[in-house]
Full PDB file with SEQRES, HELIX, SHEET, SSBOND, CRYST1, ORIGX, SCALE, CONECT and MASTER records, all heavy atoms in Angstrom:
SEQRES   1 A   40  ASP LEU ILE ALA ALA LEU THR GLU ARG VAL VAL GLY ASP          
SEQRES   2 A   40  GLY GLY GLY VAL VAL THR VAL SER HIS ASP GLN ALA ARG          
SEQRES   3 A   40  LEU ALA GLU SER CYS ASP ASN THR MET SER LEU THR GLU          
SEQRES   4 A   40  GLY                                                          
HELIX    1 AA1 LEU A    2  GLY A   12  1                                  11    
HELIX    2 AA2 GLN A   24  SER A   30  1                                   7    
CRYST1    1.000    1.000    1.000  90.00  90.00  90.00 P 1           1          
ORIGX1      1.000000  0.000000  0.000000        0.00000                         
ORIGX2      0.000000  1.000000  0.000000        0.00000                         
ORIGX3      0.000000  0.000000  1.000000        0.00000                         
SCALE1      1.000000  0.000000  0.000000        0.00000                         
SCALE2      0.000000  1.000000  0.000000        0.00000                         
SCALE3      0.000000  0.000000  1.000000        0.00000                         
ATOM      1  N   ASP A   1      -6.533 -10.984  -3.721  1.00  0.00           N  
ATOM      2  CA  ASP A   1      -7.799 -10.343  -3.343  1.00  0.00           C  
ATOM      3  C   ASP A   1      -8.000 -10.387  -1.830  1.00  0.00           C  
ATOM      4  O   ASP A   1      -8.549  -9.447  -1.239  1.00  0.00           O  
ATOM      5  CB  ASP A   1      -8.977 -11.030  -4.042  1.00  0.00           C  
ATOM      6  CG  ASP A   1      -9.041 -10.719  -5.523  1.00  0.00           C  
ATOM      7  OD1 ASP A   1      -8.372  -9.763  -5.965  1.00  0.00           O  
ATOM      8  OD2 ASP A   1      -9.748 -11.446  -6.249  1.00  0.00           O  
ATOM      9  N   LEU A   2      -7.574 -11.475  -1.181  1.00  0.00           N  
ATOM     10  CA  LEU A   2      -7.695 -11.571   0.275  1.00  0.00           C  
ATOM     11  C   LEU A   2      -6.853 -10.511   0.962  1.00  0.00           C  
ATOM     12  O   LEU A   2      -7.280  -9.899   1.942  1.00  0.00           O  
ATOM     13  CB  LEU A   2      -7.269 -12.965   0.745  1.00  0.00           C  
ATOM     14  CG  LEU A   2      -8.256 -14.102   0.523  1.00  0.00           C  
ATOM     15  CD1 LEU A   2      -7.594 -15.428   0.886  1.00  0.00           C  
ATOM     16  CD2 LEU A   2      -9.525 -13.891   1.345  1.00  0.00           C  
ATOM     17  N   ILE A   3      -5.639 -10.292   0.463  1.00  0.00           N  
ATOM     18  CA  ILE A   3      -4.780  -9.271   1.053  1.00  0.00           C  
ATOM     19  C   ILE A   3      -5.363  -7.883   0.813  1.00  0.00           C  
ATOM     20  O   ILE A   3      -5.311  -7.014   1.694  1.00  0.00           O  
ATOM     21  CB  ILE A   3      -3.348  -9.392   0.503  1.00  0.00           C  
ATOM     22  CG1 ILE A   3      -2.717 -10.689   1.028  1.00  0.00           C  
ATOM     23  CG2 ILE A   3      -2.502  -8.183   0.899  1.00  0.00           C  
ATOM     24  CD1 ILE A   3      -1.325 -10.960   0.543  1.00  0.00           C  
ATOM     25  N   ALA A   4      -5.954  -7.680  -0.360  1.00  0.00           N  
ATOM     26  CA  ALA A   4      -6.611  -6.399  -0.635  1.00  0.00           C  
ATOM     27  C   ALA A   4      -7.782  -6.183   0.322  1.00  0.00           C  
ATOM     28  O   ALA A   4      -7.991  -5.067   0.829  1.00  0.00           O  
ATOM     29  CB  ALA A   4      -7.086  -6.355  -2.084  1.00  0.00           C  
ATOM     30  N   ALA A   5      -8.543  -7.248   0.590  1.00  0.00           N  
ATOM     31  CA  ALA A   5      -9.674  -7.138   1.516  1.00  0.00           C  
ATOM     32  C   ALA A   5      -9.185  -6.864   2.934  1.00  0.00           C  
ATOM     33  O   ALA A   5      -9.807  -6.077   3.669  1.00  0.00           O  
ATOM     34  CB  ALA A   5     -10.506  -8.416   1.479  1.00  0.00           C  
ATOM     35  N   LEU A   6      -8.082  -7.492   3.323  1.00  0.00           N  
ATOM     36  CA  LEU A   6      -7.494  -7.231   4.641  1.00  0.00           C  
ATOM     37  C   LEU A   6      -7.068  -5.773   4.754  1.00  0.00           C  
ATOM     38  O   LEU A   6      -7.317  -5.112   5.774  1.00  0.00           O  
ATOM     39  CB  LEU A   6      -6.291  -8.149   4.859  1.00  0.00           C  
ATOM     40  CG  LEU A   6      -5.447  -7.905   6.105  1.00  0.00           C  
ATOM     41  CD1 LEU A   6      -6.258  -8.158   7.372  1.00  0.00           C  
ATOM     42  CD2 LEU A   6      -4.201  -8.798   6.084  1.00  0.00           C  
ATOM     43  N   THR A   7      -6.447  -5.266   3.700  1.00  0.00           N  
ATOM     44  CA  THR A   7      -6.026  -3.866   3.676  1.00  0.00           C  
ATOM     45  C   THR A   7      -7.218  -2.934   3.854  1.00  0.00           C  
ATOM     46  O   THR A   7      -7.179  -1.989   4.653  1.00  0.00           O  
ATOM     47  CB  THR A   7      -5.307  -3.565   2.345  1.00  0.00           C  
ATOM     48  OG1 THR A   7      -4.132  -4.374   2.245  1.00  0.00           O  
ATOM     49  CG2 THR A   7      -4.928  -2.097   2.245  1.00  0.00           C  
ATOM     50  N   GLU A   8      -8.294  -3.213   3.131  1.00  0.00           N  
ATOM     51  CA  GLU A   8      -9.498  -2.387   3.232  1.00  0.00           C  
ATOM     52  C   GLU A   8     -10.081  -2.435   4.648  1.00  0.00           C  
ATOM     53  O   GLU A   8     -10.588  -1.425   5.149  1.00  0.00           O  
ATOM     54  CB  GLU A   8     -10.531  -2.856   2.214  1.00  0.00           C  
ATOM     55  CG  GLU A   8     -10.135  -2.581   0.756  1.00  0.00           C  
ATOM     56  CD  GLU A   8     -11.149  -3.120  -0.219  1.00  0.00           C  
ATOM     57  OE1 GLU A   8     -12.216  -3.603   0.231  1.00  0.00           O  
ATOM     58  OE2 GLU A   8     -10.886  -3.069  -1.436  1.00  0.00           O  
ATOM     59  N   ARG A   9     -10.002  -3.592   5.263  1.00  0.00           N  
ATOM     60  CA  ARG A   9     -10.558  -3.730   6.625  1.00  0.00           C  
ATOM     61  C   ARG A   9      -9.763  -2.893   7.621  1.00  0.00           C  
ATOM     62  O   ARG A   9     -10.344  -2.216   8.479  1.00  0.00           O  
ATOM     63  CB  ARG A   9     -10.544  -5.192   7.038  1.00  0.00           C  
ATOM     64  CG  ARG A   9     -11.090  -5.447   8.426  1.00  0.00           C  
ATOM     65  CD  ARG A   9     -11.241  -6.929   8.656  1.00  0.00           C  
ATOM     66  NE  ARG A   9     -11.748  -7.220   9.990  1.00  0.00           N  
ATOM     67  CZ  ARG A   9     -12.074  -8.433  10.412  1.00  0.00           C  
ATOM     68  NH1 ARG A   9     -11.960  -9.457   9.602  1.00  0.00           N  
ATOM     69  NH2 ARG A   9     -12.514  -8.621  11.625  1.00  0.00           N  
ATOM     70  N   VAL A  10      -8.435  -2.946   7.518  1.00  0.00           N  
ATOM     71  CA  VAL A  10      -7.599  -2.154   8.419  1.00  0.00           C  
ATOM     72  C   VAL A  10      -7.884  -0.666   8.250  1.00  0.00           C  
ATOM     73  O   VAL A  10      -8.056   0.068   9.232  1.00  0.00           O  
ATOM     74  CB  VAL A  10      -6.103  -2.458   8.181  1.00  0.00           C  
ATOM     75  CG1 VAL A  10      -5.225  -1.489   8.958  1.00  0.00           C  
ATOM     76  CG2 VAL A  10      -5.781  -3.894   8.567  1.00  0.00           C  
ATOM     77  N   VAL A  11      -7.941  -0.229   7.000  1.00  0.00           N  
ATOM     78  CA  VAL A  11      -8.221   1.183   6.718  1.00  0.00           C  
ATOM     79  C   VAL A  11      -9.621   1.563   7.199  1.00  0.00           C  
ATOM     80  O   VAL A  11      -9.826   2.634   7.782  1.00  0.00           O  
ATOM     81  CB  VAL A  11      -8.059   1.459   5.212  1.00  0.00           C  
ATOM     82  CG1 VAL A  11      -8.588   2.840   4.849  1.00  0.00           C  
ATOM     83  CG2 VAL A  11      -6.594   1.334   4.807  1.00  0.00           C  
ATOM     84  N   GLY A  12     -10.578   0.670   6.978  1.00  0.00           N  
ATOM     85  CA  GLY A  12     -11.944   0.944   7.409  1.00  0.00           C  
ATOM     86  C   GLY A  12     -12.081   1.052   8.910  1.00  0.00           C  
ATOM     87  O   GLY A  12     -12.966   1.753   9.418  1.00  0.00           O  
ATOM     88  N   ASP A  13     -11.190   0.380   9.636  1.00  0.00           N  
ATOM     89  CA  ASP A  13     -11.196   0.447  11.104  1.00  0.00           C  
ATOM     90  C   ASP A  13     -10.444   1.677  11.626  1.00  0.00           C  
ATOM     91  O   ASP A  13     -10.286   1.838  12.843  1.00  0.00           O  
ATOM     92  CB  ASP A  13     -10.547  -0.805  11.697  1.00  0.00           C  
ATOM     93  CG  ASP A  13     -11.444  -2.039  11.596  1.00  0.00           C  
ATOM     94  OD1 ASP A  13     -12.656  -1.868  11.347  1.00  0.00           O  
ATOM     95  OD2 ASP A  13     -10.931  -3.157  11.778  1.00  0.00           O  
ATOM     96  N   GLY A  14      -9.947   2.515  10.715  1.00  0.00           N  
ATOM     97  CA  GLY A  14      -9.221   3.707  11.132  1.00  0.00           C  
ATOM     98  C   GLY A  14      -7.734   3.503  11.289  1.00  0.00           C  
ATOM     99  O   GLY A  14      -7.032   4.368  11.827  1.00  0.00           O  
ATOM    100  N   GLY A  15      -7.238   2.351  10.826  1.00  0.00           N  
ATOM    101  CA  GLY A  15      -5.808   2.084  10.873  1.00  0.00           C  
ATOM    102  C   GLY A  15      -5.120   2.565   9.611  1.00  0.00           C  
ATOM    103  O   GLY A  15      -5.684   3.315   8.819  1.00  0.00           O  
ATOM    104  N   GLY A  16      -3.875   2.124   9.443  1.00  0.00           N  
ATOM    105  CA  GLY A  16      -3.114   2.520   8.272  1.00  0.00           C  
ATOM    106  C   GLY A  16      -2.282   1.365   7.747  1.00  0.00           C  
ATOM    107  O   GLY A  16      -2.031   0.389   8.468  1.00  0.00           O  
ATOM    108  N   VAL A  17      -1.858   1.478   6.492  1.00  0.00           N  
ATOM    109  CA  VAL A  17      -1.133   0.405   5.825  1.00  0.00           C  
ATOM    110  C   VAL A  17       0.106   0.972   5.149  1.00  0.00           C  
ATOM    111  O   VAL A  17       0.049   2.020   4.496  1.00  0.00           O  
ATOM    112  CB  VAL A  17      -2.020  -0.297   4.769  1.00  0.00           C  
ATOM    113  CG1 VAL A  17      -1.244  -1.426   4.085  1.00  0.00           C  
ATOM    114  CG2 VAL A  17      -3.302  -0.831   5.406  1.00  0.00           C  
ATOM    115  N   VAL A  18       1.222   0.267   5.307  1.00  0.00           N  
ATOM    116  CA  VAL A  18       2.437   0.573   4.564  1.00  0.00           C  
ATOM    117  C   VAL A  18       2.792  -0.669   3.764  1.00  0.00           C  
ATOM    118  O   VAL A  18       2.960  -1.754   4.332  1.00  0.00           O  
ATOM    119  CB  VAL A  18       3.616   0.943   5.481  1.00  0.00           C  
ATOM    120  CG1 VAL A  18       4.866   1.245   4.651  1.00  0.00           C  
ATOM    121  CG2 VAL A  18       3.256   2.147   6.355  1.00  0.00           C  
ATOM    122  N   THR A  19       2.875  -0.536   2.444  1.00  0.00           N  
ATOM    123  CA  THR A  19       3.190  -1.667   1.591  1.00  0.00           C  
ATOM    124  C   THR A  19       4.409  -1.342   0.740  1.00  0.00           C  
ATOM    125  O   THR A  19       4.481  -0.264   0.145  1.00  0.00           O  
ATOM    126  CB  THR A  19       1.978  -2.057   0.705  1.00  0.00           C  
ATOM    127  OG1 THR A  19       2.339  -3.124  -0.173  1.00  0.00           O  
ATOM    128  CG2 THR A  19       1.471  -0.880  -0.098  1.00  0.00           C  
ATOM    129  N   VAL A  20       5.377  -2.232   0.725  1.00  0.00           N  
ATOM    130  CA  VAL A  20       6.587  -1.993  -0.047  1.00  0.00           C  
ATOM    131  C   VAL A  20       6.681  -2.984  -1.185  1.00  0.00           C  
ATOM    132  O   VAL A  20       6.260  -4.143  -1.074  1.00  0.00           O  
ATOM    133  CB  VAL A  20       7.863  -2.061   0.823  1.00  0.00           C  
ATOM    134  CG1 VAL A  20       7.785  -1.116   2.002  1.00  0.00           C  
ATOM    135  CG2 VAL A  20       8.136  -3.475   1.282  1.00  0.00           C  
ATOM    136  N   SER A  21       7.229  -2.525  -2.293  1.00  0.00           N  
ATOM    137  CA  SER A  21       7.341  -3.353  -3.484  1.00  0.00           C  
ATOM    138  C   SER A  21       8.352  -2.721  -4.431  1.00  0.00           C  
ATOM    139  O   SER A  21       8.591  -1.512  -4.380  1.00  0.00           O  
ATOM    140  CB  SER A  21       5.975  -3.489  -4.181  1.00  0.00           C  
ATOM    141  OG  SER A  21       6.093  -4.177  -5.404  1.00  0.00           O  
ATOM    142  N   HIS A  22       8.926  -3.546  -5.297  1.00  0.00           N  
ATOM    143  CA  HIS A  22       9.766  -3.002  -6.362  1.00  0.00           C  
ATOM    144  C   HIS A  22       8.915  -2.531  -7.533  1.00  0.00           C  
ATOM    145  O   HIS A  22       9.394  -1.854  -8.432  1.00  0.00           O  
ATOM    146  CB  HIS A  22      10.756  -4.075  -6.852  1.00  0.00           C  
ATOM    147  CG  HIS A  22      10.072  -5.246  -7.488  1.00  0.00           C  
ATOM    148  ND1 HIS A  22       9.544  -6.287  -6.740  1.00  0.00           N  
ATOM    149  CD2 HIS A  22       9.796  -5.527  -8.782  1.00  0.00           C  
ATOM    150  CE1 HIS A  22       8.986  -7.160  -7.564  1.00  0.00           C  
ATOM    151  NE2 HIS A  22       9.120  -6.726  -8.797  1.00  0.00           N  
ATOM    152  N   ASP A  23       7.600  -2.883  -7.507  1.00  0.00           N  
ATOM    153  CA  ASP A  23       6.685  -2.576  -8.609  1.00  0.00           C  
ATOM    154  C   ASP A  23       5.967  -1.247  -8.328  1.00  0.00           C  
ATOM    155  O   ASP A  23       4.905  -1.208  -7.726  1.00  0.00           O  
ATOM    156  CB  ASP A  23       5.670  -3.704  -8.760  1.00  0.00           C  
ATOM    157  CG  ASP A  23       4.827  -3.580 -10.025  1.00  0.00           C  
ATOM    158  OD1 ASP A  23       4.761  -2.476 -10.589  1.00  0.00           O  
ATOM    159  OD2 ASP A  23       4.236  -4.594 -10.436  1.00  0.00           O  
ATOM    160  N   GLN A  24       6.548  -0.159  -8.792  1.00  0.00           N  
ATOM    161  CA  GLN A  24       5.999   1.163  -8.516  1.00  0.00           C  
ATOM    162  C   GLN A  24       4.641   1.372  -9.174  1.00  0.00           C  
ATOM    163  O   GLN A  24       3.762   2.032  -8.614  1.00  0.00           O  
ATOM    164  CB  GLN A  24       6.977   2.245  -8.994  1.00  0.00           C  
ATOM    165  CG  GLN A  24       6.598   3.652  -8.549  1.00  0.00           C  
ATOM    166  CD  GLN A  24       7.724   4.635  -8.779  1.00  0.00           C  
ATOM    167  OE1 GLN A  24       8.895   4.318  -8.550  1.00  0.00           O  
ATOM    168  NE2 GLN A  24       7.383   5.822  -9.228  1.00  0.00           N  
ATOM    169  N   ALA A  25       4.439   0.781 -10.346  1.00  0.00           N  
ATOM    170  CA  ALA A  25       3.164   0.945 -11.049  1.00  0.00           C  
ATOM    171  C   ALA A  25       2.019   0.329 -10.258  1.00  0.00           C  
ATOM    172  O   ALA A  25       0.933   0.920 -10.141  1.00  0.00           O  
ATOM    173  CB  ALA A  25       3.249   0.326 -12.440  1.00  0.00           C  
ATOM    174  N   ARG A  26       2.237  -0.866  -9.694  1.00  0.00           N  
ATOM    175  CA  ARG A  26       1.187  -1.515  -8.898  1.00  0.00           C  
ATOM    176  C   ARG A  26       0.889  -0.708  -7.644  1.00  0.00           C  
ATOM    177  O   ARG A  26      -0.275  -0.573  -7.245  1.00  0.00           O  
ATOM    178  CB  ARG A  26       1.616  -2.934  -8.524  1.00  0.00           C  
ATOM    179  CG  ARG A  26       0.614  -3.655  -7.630  1.00  0.00           C  
ATOM    180  CD  ARG A  26       0.995  -5.100  -7.421  1.00  0.00           C  
ATOM    181  NE  ARG A  26       0.823  -5.884  -8.642  1.00  0.00           N  
ATOM    182  CZ  ARG A  26       1.077  -7.186  -8.727  1.00  0.00           C  
ATOM    183  NH1 ARG A  26       1.533  -7.845  -7.664  1.00  0.00           N  
ATOM    184  NH2 ARG A  26       0.878  -7.837  -9.860  1.00  0.00           N  
ATOM    185  N   LEU A  27       1.912  -0.159  -7.018  1.00  0.00           N  
ATOM    186  CA  LEU A  27       1.691   0.668  -5.839  1.00  0.00           C  
ATOM    187  C   LEU A  27       0.858   1.894  -6.173  1.00  0.00           C  
ATOM    188  O   LEU A  27      -0.023   2.285  -5.408  1.00  0.00           O  
ATOM    189  CB  LEU A  27       3.033   1.096  -5.241  1.00  0.00           C  
ATOM    190  CG  LEU A  27       3.890   0.010  -4.599  1.00  0.00           C  
ATOM    191  CD1 LEU A  27       5.203   0.604  -4.099  1.00  0.00           C  
ATOM    192  CD2 LEU A  27       3.158  -0.687  -3.460  1.00  0.00           C  
ATOM    193  N   ALA A  28       1.142   2.502  -7.314  1.00  0.00           N  
ATOM    194  CA  ALA A  28       0.411   3.710  -7.712  1.00  0.00           C  
ATOM    195  C   ALA A  28      -1.075   3.426  -7.870  1.00  0.00           C  
ATOM    196  O   ALA A  28      -1.920   4.297  -7.617  1.00  0.00           O  
ATOM    197  CB  ALA A  28       0.993   4.259  -9.003  1.00  0.00           C  
ATOM    198  N   GLU A  29      -1.413   2.202  -8.271  1.00  0.00           N  
ATOM    199  CA  GLU A  29      -2.818   1.833  -8.476  1.00  0.00           C  
ATOM    200  C   GLU A  29      -3.554   1.604  -7.160  1.00  0.00           C  
ATOM    201  O   GLU A  29      -4.756   1.864  -7.068  1.00  0.00           O  
ATOM    202  CB  GLU A  29      -2.904   0.558  -9.323  1.00  0.00           C  
ATOM    203  CG  GLU A  29      -2.434   0.734 -10.762  1.00  0.00           C  
ATOM    204  CD  GLU A  29      -2.464  -0.585 -11.519  1.00  0.00           C  
ATOM    205  OE1 GLU A  29      -2.793  -1.624 -10.885  1.00  0.00           O  
ATOM    206  OE2 GLU A  29      -2.162  -0.595 -12.714  1.00  0.00           O  
ATOM    207  N   SER A  30      -2.849   1.122  -6.143  1.00  0.00           N  
ATOM    208  CA  SER A  30      -3.524   0.662  -4.926  1.00  0.00           C  
ATOM    209  C   SER A  30      -3.319   1.552  -3.702  1.00  0.00           C  
ATOM    210  O   SER A  30      -3.977   1.345  -2.679  1.00  0.00           O  
ATOM    211  CB  SER A  30      -3.056  -0.760  -4.585  1.00  0.00           C  
ATOM    212  OG  SER A  30      -1.654  -0.798  -4.387  1.00  0.00           O  
ATOM    213  N   CYS A  31      -2.420   2.539  -3.800  1.00  0.00           N  
ATOM    214  CA  CYS A  31      -2.075   3.343  -2.625  1.00  0.00           C  
ATOM    215  C   CYS A  31      -2.527   4.790  -2.757  1.00  0.00           C  
ATOM    216  O   CYS A  31      -2.663   5.309  -3.867  1.00  0.00           O  
ATOM    217  CB  CYS A  31      -0.556   3.312  -2.398  1.00  0.00           C  
ATOM    218  SG  CYS A  31       0.089   1.655  -2.121  1.00  0.00           S  
ATOM    219  N   ASP A  32      -2.742   5.422  -1.620  1.00  0.00           N  
ATOM    220  CA  ASP A  32      -3.114   6.841  -1.627  1.00  0.00           C  
ATOM    221  C   ASP A  32      -1.921   7.704  -2.019  1.00  0.00           C  
ATOM    222  O   ASP A  32      -2.082   8.698  -2.731  1.00  0.00           O  
ATOM    223  CB  ASP A  32      -3.603   7.254  -0.231  1.00  0.00           C  
ATOM    224  CG  ASP A  32      -4.834   6.477   0.192  1.00  0.00           C  
ATOM    225  OD1 ASP A  32      -5.779   6.391  -0.601  1.00  0.00           O  
ATOM    226  OD2 ASP A  32      -4.841   5.944   1.311  1.00  0.00           O  
ATOM    227  N   ASN A  33      -0.755   7.337  -1.527  1.00  0.00           N  
ATOM    228  CA  ASN A  33       0.489   8.045  -1.858  1.00  0.00           C  
ATOM    229  C   ASN A  33       1.593   7.025  -2.028  1.00  0.00           C  
ATOM    230  O   ASN A  33       1.547   5.942  -1.436  1.00  0.00           O  
ATOM    231  CB  ASN A  33       0.884   9.041  -0.757  1.00  0.00           C  
ATOM    232  CG  ASN A  33      -0.147  10.125  -0.548  1.00  0.00           C  
ATOM    233  OD1 ASN A  33      -0.948  10.040   0.367  1.00  0.00           O  
ATOM    234  ND2 ASN A  33      -0.136  11.136  -1.390  1.00  0.00           N  
ATOM    235  N   THR A  34       2.590   7.370  -2.833  1.00  0.00           N  
ATOM    236  CA  THR A  34       3.738   6.493  -2.988  1.00  0.00           C  
ATOM    237  C   THR A  34       5.025   7.279  -2.776  1.00  0.00           C  
ATOM    238  O   THR A  34       5.105   8.466  -3.080  1.00  0.00           O  
ATOM    239  CB  THR A  34       3.770   5.836  -4.384  1.00  0.00           C  
ATOM    240  OG1 THR A  34       3.827   6.848  -5.395  1.00  0.00           O  
ATOM    241  CG2 THR A  34       2.534   4.973  -4.606  1.00  0.00           C  
ATOM    242  N   MET A  35       6.013   6.560  -2.240  1.00  0.00           N  
ATOM    243  CA  MET A  35       7.323   7.144  -2.017  1.00  0.00           C  
ATOM    244  C   MET A  35       8.376   6.209  -2.598  1.00  0.00           C  
ATOM    245  O   MET A  35       8.141   5.006  -2.758  1.00  0.00           O  
ATOM    246  CB  MET A  35       7.576   7.367  -0.528  1.00  0.00           C  
ATOM    247  CG  MET A  35       6.513   8.206   0.160  1.00  0.00           C  
ATOM    248  SD  MET A  35       6.921   8.615   1.882  1.00  0.00           S  
ATOM    249  CE  MET A  35       8.077   9.972   1.633  1.00  0.00           C  
ATOM    250  N   SER A  36       9.510   6.759  -2.921  1.00  0.00           N  
ATOM    251  CA  SER A  36      10.600   5.978  -3.493  1.00  0.00           C  
ATOM    252  C   SER A  36      11.799   6.009  -2.550  1.00  0.00           C  
ATOM    253  O   SER A  36      12.180   7.072  -2.055  1.00  0.00           O  
ATOM    254  CB  SER A  36      11.001   6.552  -4.858  1.00  0.00           C  
ATOM    255  OG  SER A  36      12.103   5.866  -5.389  1.00  0.00           O  
ATOM    256  N   LEU A  37      12.370   4.834  -2.306  1.00  0.00           N  
ATOM    257  CA  LEU A  37      13.536   4.711  -1.445  1.00  0.00           C  
ATOM    258  C   LEU A  37      14.739   4.380  -2.317  1.00  0.00           C  
ATOM    259  O   LEU A  37      14.797   3.330  -2.961  1.00  0.00           O  
ATOM    260  CB  LEU A  37      13.308   3.630  -0.401  1.00  0.00           C  
ATOM    261  CG  LEU A  37      14.310   3.495   0.747  1.00  0.00           C  
ATOM    262  CD1 LEU A  37      14.436   4.802   1.513  1.00  0.00           C  
ATOM    263  CD2 LEU A  37      13.866   2.391   1.695  1.00  0.00           C  
ATOM    264  N   THR A  38      15.676   5.310  -2.370  1.00  0.00           N  
ATOM    265  CA  THR A  38      16.860   5.151  -3.229  1.00  0.00           C  
ATOM    266  C   THR A  38      18.111   5.461  -2.418  1.00  0.00           C  
ATOM    267  O   THR A  38      18.233   6.553  -1.870  1.00  0.00           O  
ATOM    268  CB  THR A  38      16.788   6.091  -4.440  1.00  0.00           C  
ATOM    269  OG1 THR A  38      15.566   5.886  -5.142  1.00  0.00           O  
ATOM    270  CG2 THR A  38      17.955   5.840  -5.394  1.00  0.00           C  
ATOM    271  N   GLU A  39      18.996   4.476  -2.323  1.00  0.00           N  
ATOM    272  CA  GLU A  39      20.251   4.633  -1.579  1.00  0.00           C  
ATOM    273  C   GLU A  39      20.001   5.171  -0.178  1.00  0.00           C  
ATOM    274  O   GLU A  39      20.712   6.064   0.309  1.00  0.00           O  
ATOM    275  CB  GLU A  39      21.224   5.521  -2.352  1.00  0.00           C  
ATOM    276  CG  GLU A  39      21.655   4.907  -3.688  1.00  0.00           C  
ATOM    277  CD  GLU A  39      22.670   5.770  -4.418  1.00  0.00           C  
ATOM    278  OE1 GLU A  39      22.878   6.922  -3.996  1.00  0.00           O  
ATOM    279  OE2 GLU A  39      23.242   5.282  -5.401  1.00  0.00           O  
ATOM    280  N   GLY A  40      18.940   4.659   0.448  1.00  0.00           N  
ATOM    281  CA  GLY A  40      18.647   5.013   1.831  1.00  0.00           C  
ATOM    282  C   GLY A  40      17.887   6.300   2.037  1.00  0.00           C  
ATOM    283  O   GLY A  40      17.604   6.668   3.178  1.00  0.00           O  
TER     284      GLY A  40                                                      
MASTER        0    0    0    2    0    0    0    6  283    1    0    4          
END                                                                             
Protein backbone atom coordinates (compact mmCIF):
# COMPACT_ATOMS: atom_id res chain seq x y z
CA ASP A 1 0.00 0.00 0.00
CA LEU A 2 2.91 2.38 0.71
CA ILE A 3 4.35 1.78 -2.75
CA ALA A 4 0.90 2.31 -4.26
CA ALA A 5 0.62 5.61 -2.36
CA LEU A 6 4.08 6.64 -3.58
CA THR A 7 3.02 5.85 -7.14
CA GLU A 8 -0.11 7.98 -6.76
CA ARG A 9 1.95 10.86 -5.38
CA VAL A 10 4.37 10.82 -8.32
CA VAL A 11 1.51 10.73 -10.80
CA GLY A 12 -0.35 13.45 -8.90
CA ASP A 13 2.73 15.67 -9.14
CA GLY A 14 2.68 15.31 -12.94
CA GLY A 15 5.38 12.65 -13.10
CA GLY A 16 5.25 9.16 -14.52
CA VAL A 17 5.81 5.59 -13.38
CA VAL A 18 7.23 2.52 -15.10
CA THR A 19 6.71 -0.74 -13.22
CA VAL A 20 7.97 -4.11 -14.39
CA SER A 21 6.79 -7.51 -13.25
CA HIS A 22 6.35 -11.07 -14.45
CA ASP A 23 2.74 -10.81 -13.17
CA GLN A 24 0.83 -9.40 -16.14
CA ALA A 25 -2.54 -9.66 -14.39
CA ARG A 26 -1.42 -7.45 -11.49
CA LEU A 27 -0.01 -4.89 -13.91
CA ALA A 28 -3.29 -4.79 -15.82
CA GLU A 29 -5.10 -3.88 -12.58
CA SER A 30 -2.78 -1.06 -11.54
CA CYS A 31 -1.46 0.48 -14.77
CA ASP A 32 -2.91 2.73 -17.44
CA ASN A 33 -1.24 0.68 -20.18
CA THR A 34 0.76 -2.52 -20.24
CA MET A 35 3.43 -3.79 -22.59
CA SER A 36 5.06 -7.17 -22.97
CA LEU A 37 8.80 -7.71 -23.42
CA THR A 38 9.61 -10.96 -25.22
CA GLU A 39 13.07 -11.88 -26.50
CA GLY A 40 14.08 -8.23 -26.38
